[in-house]
PDB file of N, CA and C in Angstrom:
ATOM      1  N   MET A   1       3.641   3.522  14.636  1.00  0.00           N
ATOM      2  CA  MET A   1       2.663   4.533  13.043  1.00  0.00           C
ATOM      3  C   MET A   1       1.585   5.093  13.232  1.00  0.00           C
ATOM      4  N   LYS A   2       1.312   5.805  12.579  1.00  0.00           N
ATOM      5  CA  LYS A   2       0.834   6.650  12.404  1.00  0.00           C
ATOM      6  C   LYS A   2      -0.443   6.645  12.209  1.00  0.00           C
ATOM      7  N   PRO A   3      -2.453   6.599  12.543  1.00  0.00           N
ATOM      8  CA  PRO A   3      -3.527   6.153  12.040  1.00  0.00           C
ATOM      9  C   PRO A   3      -3.813   6.517  10.810  1.00  0.00           C
ATOM     10  N   MET A   4      -4.048   6.684   9.334  1.00  0.00           N
ATOM     11  CA  MET A   4      -5.153   7.214   8.629  1.00  0.00           C
ATOM     12  C   MET A   4      -5.992   7.661   8.675  1.00  0.00           C
ATOM     13  N   PHE A   5      -6.255   7.823   9.760  1.00  0.00           N
ATOM     14  CA  PHE A   5      -7.635   9.081  10.512  1.00  0.00           C
ATOM     15  C   PHE A   5      -9.092   8.495   9.902  1.00  0.00           C
ATOM     16  N   LEU A   6      -9.194   7.326   9.065  1.00  0.00           N
ATOM     17  CA  LEU A   6     -10.307   6.660   8.542  1.00  0.00           C
ATOM     18  C   LEU A   6     -10.235   5.103   9.902  1.00  0.00           C
ATOM     19  N   PRO A   7     -10.417   5.516  11.009  1.00  0.00           N
ATOM     20  CA  PRO A   7     -11.526   4.226  12.448  1.00  0.00           C
ATOM     21  C   PRO A   7     -12.399   3.521  11.698  1.00  0.00           C
ATOM     22  N   GLY A   8     -13.436   3.622  10.721  1.00  0.00           N
ATOM     23  CA  GLY A   8     -13.686   2.912  10.160  1.00  0.00           C
ATOM     24  C   GLY A   8     -12.835   1.408   9.278  1.00  0.00           C
ATOM     25  N   VAL A   9     -12.398   2.501   7.936  1.00  0.00           N
ATOM     26  CA  VAL A   9     -11.724   1.729   7.843  1.00  0.00           C
ATOM     27  C   VAL A   9     -10.958   1.078   8.358  1.00  0.00           C
ATOM     28  N   GLU A  10     -10.190   1.161   9.090  1.00  0.00           N
ATOM     29  CA  GLU A  10      -9.066   0.791   9.403  1.00  0.00           C
ATOM     30  C   GLU A  10      -9.760  -0.755   9.777  1.00  0.00           C
ATOM     31  N   ARG A  11     -10.857  -0.014  10.243  1.00  0.00           N
ATOM     32  CA  ARG A  11     -11.542  -1.639  12.074  1.00  0.00           C
ATOM     33  C   ARG A  11     -12.300  -1.981  10.971  1.00  0.00           C
ATOM     34  N   ASP A  12     -12.987  -2.855   9.542  1.00  0.00           N
ATOM     35  CA  ASP A  12     -13.579  -3.351   9.505  1.00  0.00           C
ATOM     36  C   ASP A  12     -13.643  -4.065   7.806  1.00  0.00           C
ATOM     37  N   PRO A  13     -11.672  -4.511   7.727  1.00  0.00           N
ATOM     38  CA  PRO A  13     -10.925  -4.876   6.947  1.00  0.00           C
ATOM     39  C   PRO A  13     -11.977  -6.422   5.835  1.00  0.00           C
ATOM     40  N   LYS A  14     -12.165  -7.288   5.124  1.00  0.00           N
ATOM     41  CA  LYS A  14     -13.123  -7.941   4.373  1.00  0.00           C
ATOM     42  C   LYS A  14     -11.841  -8.780   4.118  1.00  0.00           C
ATOM     43  N   PRO A  15     -11.760  -9.740   4.218  1.00  0.00           N
ATOM     44  CA  PRO A  15     -11.005 -11.427   4.383  1.00  0.00           C
ATOM     45  C   PRO A  15     -10.074 -11.026   2.155  1.00  0.00           C
ATOM     46  N   SER A  16      -8.830 -10.632   2.354  1.00  0.00           N
ATOM     47  CA  SER A  16      -8.108 -10.636   1.750  1.00  0.00           C
ATOM     48  C   SER A  16      -6.642 -11.114   1.506  1.00  0.00           C
ATOM     49  N   SER A  17      -6.113 -10.848   1.268  1.00  0.00           N
ATOM     50  CA  SER A  17      -4.550 -11.041   0.830  1.00  0.00           C
ATOM     51  C   SER A  17      -3.973  -9.676   1.746  1.00  0.00           C
ATOM     52  N   PHE A  18      -4.287  -8.528   1.164  1.00  0.00           N
ATOM     53  CA  PHE A  18      -4.300  -7.817   1.975  1.00  0.00           C
ATOM     54  C   PHE A  18      -5.013  -7.817   3.794  1.00  0.00           C
ATOM     55  N   ALA A  19      -5.405  -7.625   4.146  1.00  0.00           N
ATOM     56  CA  ALA A  19      -5.877  -8.009   5.286  1.00  0.00           C
ATOM     57  C   ALA A  19      -4.972  -8.831   6.477  1.00  0.00           C
ATOM     58  N   ASP A  20      -4.651 -10.202   5.309  1.00  0.00           N
ATOM     59  CA  ASP A  20      -4.018 -11.025   6.390  1.00  0.00           C
ATOM     60  C   ASP A  20      -2.440  -9.873   5.823  1.00  0.00           C
ATOM     61  N   SER A  21      -1.897  -9.505   5.558  1.00  0.00           N
ATOM     62  CA  SER A  21      -1.025  -8.831   5.487  1.00  0.00           C
ATOM     63  C   SER A  21      -0.647  -8.470   6.739  1.00  0.00           C
ATOM     64  N   ILE A  22      -2.212  -7.097   6.575  1.00  0.00           N
ATOM     65  CA  ILE A  22      -1.979  -6.495   7.797  1.00  0.00           C
ATOM     66  C   ILE A  22      -1.753  -7.570   9.206  1.00  0.00           C
ATOM     67  N   ARG A  23      -2.332  -8.606   9.284  1.00  0.00           N
ATOM     68  CA  ARG A  23      -2.556  -8.644  10.641  1.00  0.00           C
ATOM     69  C   ARG A  23      -1.339  -9.233  10.664  1.00  0.00           C
ATOM     70  N   MET A  24      -0.900  -9.504   9.878  1.00  0.00           N
ATOM     71  CA  MET A  24       0.780 -10.287   9.869  1.00  0.00           C
ATOM     72  C   MET A  24       1.525  -8.928  10.517  1.00  0.00           C
ATOM     73  N   MET A  25       1.772  -8.018   9.330  1.00  0.00           N
ATOM     74  CA  MET A  25       2.554  -7.066  10.142  1.00  0.00           C
ATOM     75  C   MET A  25       2.792  -6.185  11.645  1.00  0.00           C
ATOM     76  N   GLN A  26       1.665  -6.436  12.531  1.00  0.00           N
ATOM     77  CA  GLN A  26       1.360  -6.254  12.978  1.00  0.00           C
ATOM     78  C   GLN A  26       1.056  -6.803  14.411  1.00  0.00           C
ATOM     79  N   SER A  27       0.825  -7.723  14.147  1.00  0.00           N
ATOM     80  CA  SER A  27       1.414  -9.290  14.701  1.00  0.00           C
ATOM     81  C   SER A  27       3.268  -8.976  15.289  1.00  0.00           C
ATOM     82  N   ALA A  28       4.270  -8.968  14.165  1.00  0.00           N
ATOM     83  CA  ALA A  28       5.207  -8.557  13.591  1.00  0.00           C
ATOM     84  C   ALA A  28       6.039  -7.153  14.116  1.00  0.00           C
ATOM     85  N   GLY A  29       4.627  -6.698  15.208  1.00  0.00           N
ATOM     86  CA  GLY A  29       5.100  -5.630  15.319  1.00  0.00           C
ATOM     87  C   GLY A  29       6.376  -4.041  14.607  1.00  0.00           C
ATOM     88  N   ALA A  30       5.555  -4.567  12.983  1.00  0.00           N
ATOM     89  CA  ALA A  30       6.644  -3.290  11.609  1.00  0.00           C
ATOM     90  C   ALA A  30       5.592  -3.226  11.006  1.00  0.00           C
ATOM     91  N   GLU A  31       5.959  -2.231  11.054  1.00  0.00           N
ATOM     92  CA  GLU A  31       4.924  -0.243   9.899  1.00  0.00           C
ATOM     93  C   GLU A  31       4.869  -1.383   8.064  1.00  0.00           C
ATOM     94  N   TYR A  32       4.202  -0.753   7.770  1.00  0.00           N
ATOM     95  CA  TYR A  32       3.465  -1.276   6.490  1.00  0.00           C
ATOM     96  C   TYR A  32       2.659  -0.092   5.507  1.00  0.00           C
ATOM     97  N   PRO A  33       2.721  -0.182   5.102  1.00  0.00           N
ATOM     98  CA  PRO A  33       1.804   0.423   3.391  1.00  0.00           C
ATOM     99  C   PRO A  33       0.511   0.724   4.880  1.00  0.00           C
ATOM    100  N   GLN A  34       0.571   2.070   4.914  1.00  0.00           N
ATOM    101  CA  GLN A  34      -1.299   2.369   4.898  1.00  0.00           C
ATOM    102  C   GLN A  34      -2.651   1.867   4.088  1.00  0.00           C
ATOM    103  N   ILE A  35      -2.471   1.854   2.564  1.00  0.00           N
ATOM    104  CA  ILE A  35      -3.412   2.492   1.614  1.00  0.00           C
ATOM    105  C   ILE A  35      -3.690   1.214   1.750  1.00  0.00           C
ATOM    106  N   TRP A  36      -2.625  -0.288   2.924  1.00  0.00           N
ATOM    107  CA  TRP A  36      -3.342  -2.361   2.585  1.00  0.00           C
ATOM    108  C   TRP A  36      -4.500  -1.286   3.567  1.00  0.00           C
ATOM    109  N   HIS A  37      -4.768  -0.872   3.703  1.00  0.00           N
ATOM    110  CA  HIS A  37      -5.944  -0.533   5.192  1.00  0.00           C
ATOM    111  C   HIS A  37      -6.827  -0.700   3.877  1.00  0.00           C
ATOM    112  N   MET A  38      -7.247   0.513   3.076  1.00  0.00           N
ATOM    113  CA  MET A  38      -8.615   0.743   1.808  1.00  0.00           C
ATOM    114  C   MET A  38      -8.321  -0.053   1.030  1.00  0.00           C
ATOM    115  N   PHE A  39      -7.255  -1.258   0.531  1.00  0.00           N
ATOM    116  CA  PHE A  39      -7.133  -2.316  -0.281  1.00  0.00           C
ATOM    117  C   PHE A  39      -8.193  -3.559   0.602  1.00  0.00           C
ATOM    118  N   ALA A  40      -7.437  -3.286   2.198  1.00  0.00           N
ATOM    119  CA  ALA A  40      -8.614  -4.063   2.430  1.00  0.00           C
ATOM    120  C   ALA A  40      -9.745  -4.254   3.239  1.00  0.00           C
ATOM    121  N   TYR A  41     -10.321  -2.581   2.564  1.00  0.00           N
ATOM    122  CA  TYR A  41     -11.459  -3.114   3.272  1.00  0.00           C
ATOM    123  C   TYR A  41     -12.460  -2.898   2.144  1.00  0.00           C
ATOM    124  N   LEU A  42     -11.791  -2.409   0.552  1.00  0.00           N
ATOM    125  CA  LEU A  42     -12.625  -2.781  -0.541  1.00  0.00           C
ATOM    126  C   LEU A  42     -12.136  -3.875  -1.302  1.00  0.00           C
ATOM    127  N   PRO A  43     -11.814  -5.000  -1.339  1.00  0.00           N
ATOM    128  CA  PRO A  43     -11.212  -5.317  -1.786  1.00  0.00           C
ATOM    129  C   PRO A  43     -11.416  -5.535  -3.491  1.00  0.00           C
ATOM    130  N   GLN A  44     -12.614  -5.238  -3.573  1.00  0.00           N
ATOM    131  CA  GLN A  44     -12.723  -5.503  -5.341  1.00  0.00           C
ATOM    132  C   GLN A  44     -12.512  -4.197  -5.801  1.00  0.00           C
ATOM    133  N   ALA A  45     -13.016  -3.085  -4.559  1.00  0.00           N
ATOM    134  CA  ALA A  45     -12.944  -1.210  -5.570  1.00  0.00           C
ATOM    135  C   ALA A  45     -11.307  -1.920  -6.367  1.00  0.00           C
ATOM    136  N   THR A  46     -10.799  -2.535  -5.351  1.00  0.00           N
ATOM    137  CA  THR A  46      -9.307  -1.404  -4.868  1.00  0.00           C
ATOM    138  C   THR A  46      -8.587  -1.909  -6.021  1.00  0.00           C
ATOM    139  N   GLN A  47      -9.513  -3.731  -6.520  1.00  0.00           N
ATOM    140  CA  GLN A  47      -8.287  -4.831  -7.796  1.00  0.00           C
ATOM    141  C   GLN A  47      -6.730  -3.802  -8.489  1.00  0.00           C
ATOM    142  N   HIS A  48      -7.359  -3.268  -9.063  1.00  0.00           N
ATOM    143  CA  HIS A  48      -7.476  -1.759  -9.787  1.00  0.00           C
ATOM    144  C   HIS A  48      -6.435  -1.275 -10.408  1.00  0.00           C
ATOM    145  N   LEU A  49      -6.949  -1.076  -8.785  1.00  0.00           N
ATOM    146  CA  LEU A  49      -5.040  -0.107  -8.584  1.00  0.00           C
ATOM    147  C   LEU A  49      -4.441  -0.879  -8.149  1.00  0.00           C
ATOM    148  N   ALA A  50      -4.532  -1.955  -6.833  1.00  0.00           N
ATOM    149  CA  ALA A  50      -2.858  -2.603  -7.465  1.00  0.00           C
ATOM    150  C   ALA A  50      -2.570  -3.343  -7.739  1.00  0.00           C
ATOM    151  N   ARG A  51      -3.241  -3.572  -9.323  1.00  0.00           N
ATOM    152  CA  ARG A  51      -2.501  -4.317 -10.234  1.00  0.00           C
ATOM    153  C   ARG A  51      -1.935  -3.435 -11.371  1.00  0.00           C
ATOM    154  N   PHE A  52      -2.946  -2.173 -11.149  1.00  0.00           N
ATOM    155  CA  PHE A  52      -2.063   0.000 -11.883  1.00  0.00           C
ATOM    156  C   PHE A  52      -1.012  -0.251 -10.755  1.00  0.00           C
ATOM    157  N   THR A  53      -0.881   0.058  -9.890  1.00  0.00           N
ATOM    158  CA  THR A  53       0.323   0.244  -8.896  1.00  0.00           C
ATOM    159  C   THR A  53       2.147  -1.100  -9.592  1.00  0.00           C
ATOM    160  N   GLN A  54       0.864  -2.410  -9.296  1.00  0.00           N
ATOM    161  CA  GLN A  54       2.179  -3.413  -9.513  1.00  0.00           C
ATOM    162  C   GLN A  54       3.308  -2.745 -11.152  1.00  0.00           C
ATOM    163  N   GLU A  55       1.997  -2.479 -12.376  1.00  0.00           N
ATOM    164  CA  GLU A  55       2.584  -2.624 -13.606  1.00  0.00           C
ATOM    165  C   GLU A  55       3.506  -1.540 -13.799  1.00  0.00           C
ATOM    166  N   ILE A  56       2.604  -0.428 -12.904  1.00  0.00           N
ATOM    167  CA  ILE A  56       3.531   1.287 -13.197  1.00  0.00           C
ATOM    168  C   ILE A  56       5.112   0.458 -12.905  1.00  0.00           C
ATOM    169  N   LEU A  57       5.216  -0.405 -11.818  1.00  0.00           N
ATOM    170  CA  LEU A  57       6.389  -0.416 -10.912  1.00  0.00           C
ATOM    171  C   LEU A  57       7.379  -1.559 -11.642  1.00  0.00           C
ATOM    172  N   ARG A  58       7.082  -2.272 -11.540  1.00  0.00           N
ATOM    173  CA  ARG A  58       7.426  -3.803 -12.229  1.00  0.00           C
ATOM    174  C   ARG A  58       7.199  -3.951 -13.521  1.00  0.00           C
ATOM    175  N   GLY A  59       6.576  -3.193 -14.301  1.00  0.00           N
ATOM    176  CA  GLY A  59       6.284  -4.327 -15.816  1.00  0.00           C
ATOM    177  C   GLY A  59       6.673  -3.295 -16.699  1.00  0.00           C
ATOM    178  N   PRO A  60       7.283  -3.911 -17.981  1.00  0.00           N
ATOM    179  CA  PRO A  60       8.667  -3.154 -18.620  1.00  0.00           C
ATOM    180  C   PRO A  60       8.519  -1.793 -18.863  1.00  0.00           C
ATOM    181  N   ALA A  61      10.208  -0.903 -19.517  1.00  0.00           N
ATOM    182  CA  ALA A  61      10.118   0.511 -18.554  1.00  0.00           C
ATOM    183  C   ALA A  61      11.340   0.284 -19.037  1.00  0.00           C
ATOM    184  N   PRO A  62      11.731   1.629 -19.864  1.00  0.00           N
ATOM    185  CA  PRO A  62      13.556   2.313 -19.517  1.00  0.00           C
ATOM    186  C   PRO A  62      13.962   1.935 -18.481  1.00  0.00           C
ATOM    187  N   ILE A  63      13.516   1.614 -17.755  1.00  0.00           N
ATOM    188  CA  ILE A  63      14.074   2.672 -16.136  1.00  0.00           C
ATOM    189  C   ILE A  63      13.921   1.323 -15.558  1.00  0.00           C
ATOM    190  N   SER A  64      15.100   0.524 -15.130  1.00  0.00           N
ATOM    191  CA  SER A  64      14.107  -0.578 -13.781  1.00  0.00           C
ATOM    192  C   SER A  64      12.972  -0.260 -13.268  1.00  0.00           C
ATOM    193  N   PRO A  65      12.694  -1.528 -12.241  1.00  0.00           N
ATOM    194  CA  PRO A  65      11.819  -1.308 -11.167  1.00  0.00           C
ATOM    195  C   PRO A  65      12.726  -0.546  -9.860  1.00  0.00           C
ATOM    196  N   GLY A  66      13.422  -0.423  -9.995  1.00  0.00           N
ATOM    197  CA  GLY A  66      14.472  -0.236  -9.437  1.00  0.00           C
ATOM    198  C   GLY A  66      14.316   1.678  -8.749  1.00  0.00           C
ATOM    199  N   ILE A  67      14.754   2.043  -9.965  1.00  0.00           N
ATOM    200  CA  ILE A  67      14.436   3.652 -10.169  1.00  0.00           C
ATOM    201  C   ILE A  67      13.317   3.937  -9.817  1.00  0.00           C
ATOM    202  N   ARG A  68      13.008   3.219 -10.448  1.00  0.00           N
ATOM    203  CA  ARG A  68      10.873   3.379 -10.108  1.00  0.00           C
ATOM    204  C   ARG A  68      11.056   3.832  -8.669  1.00  0.00           C
ATOM    205  N   GLU A  69      11.207   2.849  -7.569  1.00  0.00           N
ATOM    206  CA  GLU A  69      11.184   2.618  -6.908  1.00  0.00           C
ATOM    207  C   GLU A  69      11.465   3.735  -5.878  1.00  0.00           C
ATOM    208  N   LEU A  70      12.616   4.459  -6.846  1.00  0.00           N
ATOM    209  CA  LEU A  70      12.997   5.807  -6.289  1.00  0.00           C
ATOM    210  C   LEU A  70      12.522   6.246  -6.055  1.00  0.00           C
ATOM    211  N   ILE A  71      11.792   6.323  -7.438  1.00  0.00           N
ATOM    212  CA  ILE A  71      11.245   7.768  -7.332  1.00  0.00           C
ATOM    213  C   ILE A  71      10.248   8.018  -6.663  1.00  0.00           C
ATOM    214  N   ALA A  72       9.331   6.575  -7.275  1.00  0.00           N
ATOM    215  CA  ALA A  72       8.021   6.580  -6.005  1.00  0.00           C
ATOM    216  C   ALA A  72       8.598   7.038  -4.813  1.00  0.00           C
ATOM    217  N   ALA A  73       9.622   6.528  -3.862  1.00  0.00           N
ATOM    218  CA  ALA A  73       9.793   7.081  -2.671  1.00  0.00           C
ATOM    219  C   ALA A  73      10.426   8.631  -2.701  1.00  0.00           C
ATOM    220  N   TYR A  74      11.077   8.697  -3.534  1.00  0.00           N
ATOM    221  CA  TYR A  74      12.003  10.587  -2.955  1.00  0.00           C
ATOM    222  C   TYR A  74       9.554  11.131  -3.608  1.00  0.00           C
ATOM    223  N   THR A  75       9.359  11.780  -4.326  1.00  0.00           N
ATOM    224  CA  THR A  75       8.006  12.093  -4.452  1.00  0.00           C
ATOM    225  C   THR A  75       7.522  11.451  -3.029  1.00  0.00           C
ATOM    226  N   SER A  76       6.634  10.468  -2.419  1.00  0.00           N
ATOM    227  CA  SER A  76       6.320  10.772  -1.177  1.00  0.00           C
ATOM    228  C   SER A  76       7.404  11.316  -0.437  1.00  0.00           C
ATOM    229  N   VAL A  77       8.740  11.004  -0.306  1.00  0.00           N
ATOM    230  CA  VAL A  77       8.942  12.269   0.879  1.00  0.00           C
ATOM    231  C   VAL A  77       9.092  14.023   0.739  1.00  0.00           C
ATOM    232  N   ARG A  78       9.117  14.216  -0.282  1.00  0.00           N
ATOM    233  CA  ARG A  78       8.258  15.574  -1.335  1.00  0.00           C
ATOM    234  C   ARG A  78       7.247  15.926  -0.747  1.00  0.00           C
ATOM    235  N   ASN A  79       6.252  15.167  -0.505  1.00  0.00           N
ATOM    236  CA  ASN A  79       5.150  15.350  -0.272  1.00  0.00           C
ATOM    237  C   ASN A  79       5.017  15.204   0.978  1.00  0.00           C
ATOM    238  N   GLN A  80       5.617  14.979   2.328  1.00  0.00           N
ATOM    239  CA  GLN A  80       5.799  14.321   3.657  1.00  0.00           C
ATOM    240  C   GLN A  80       5.278  14.138   3.491  1.00  0.00           C
ATOM    241  N   CYS A  81       5.014  12.238   2.695  1.00  0.00           N
ATOM    242  CA  CYS A  81       4.104  11.427   3.067  1.00  0.00           C
ATOM    243  C   CYS A  81       4.964   9.777   3.040  1.00  0.00           C
ATOM    244  N   PRO A  82       4.891   9.370   4.140  1.00  0.00           N
ATOM    245  CA  PRO A  82       5.988   8.111   3.505  1.00  0.00           C
ATOM    246  C   PRO A  82       5.272   6.977   3.133  1.00  0.00           C
ATOM    247  N   PHE A  83       6.578   6.861   2.764  1.00  0.00           N
ATOM    248  CA  PHE A  83       6.667   5.309   1.831  1.00  0.00           C
ATOM    249  C   PHE A  83       5.486   4.404   1.916  1.00  0.00           C
TER     250      PHE A  83
END
């Protein structure tokens, strides 16, 4: 997995569910969204972004959560950004 190019952020996670998830995925040798490093680095500052993202992808809407995930994945690929 490629680094985020923010080594200070990656090396300094604060106690949070994101830090726990990163450690779990790393110990399993699995890939994970690199934005988790930012969420773990500043958990208080990124809580609103995590809630916003979940609401957009999972909240009530005229299209299903699966279709919204597909749109997000397609957008990421078009932007040459790993989803």
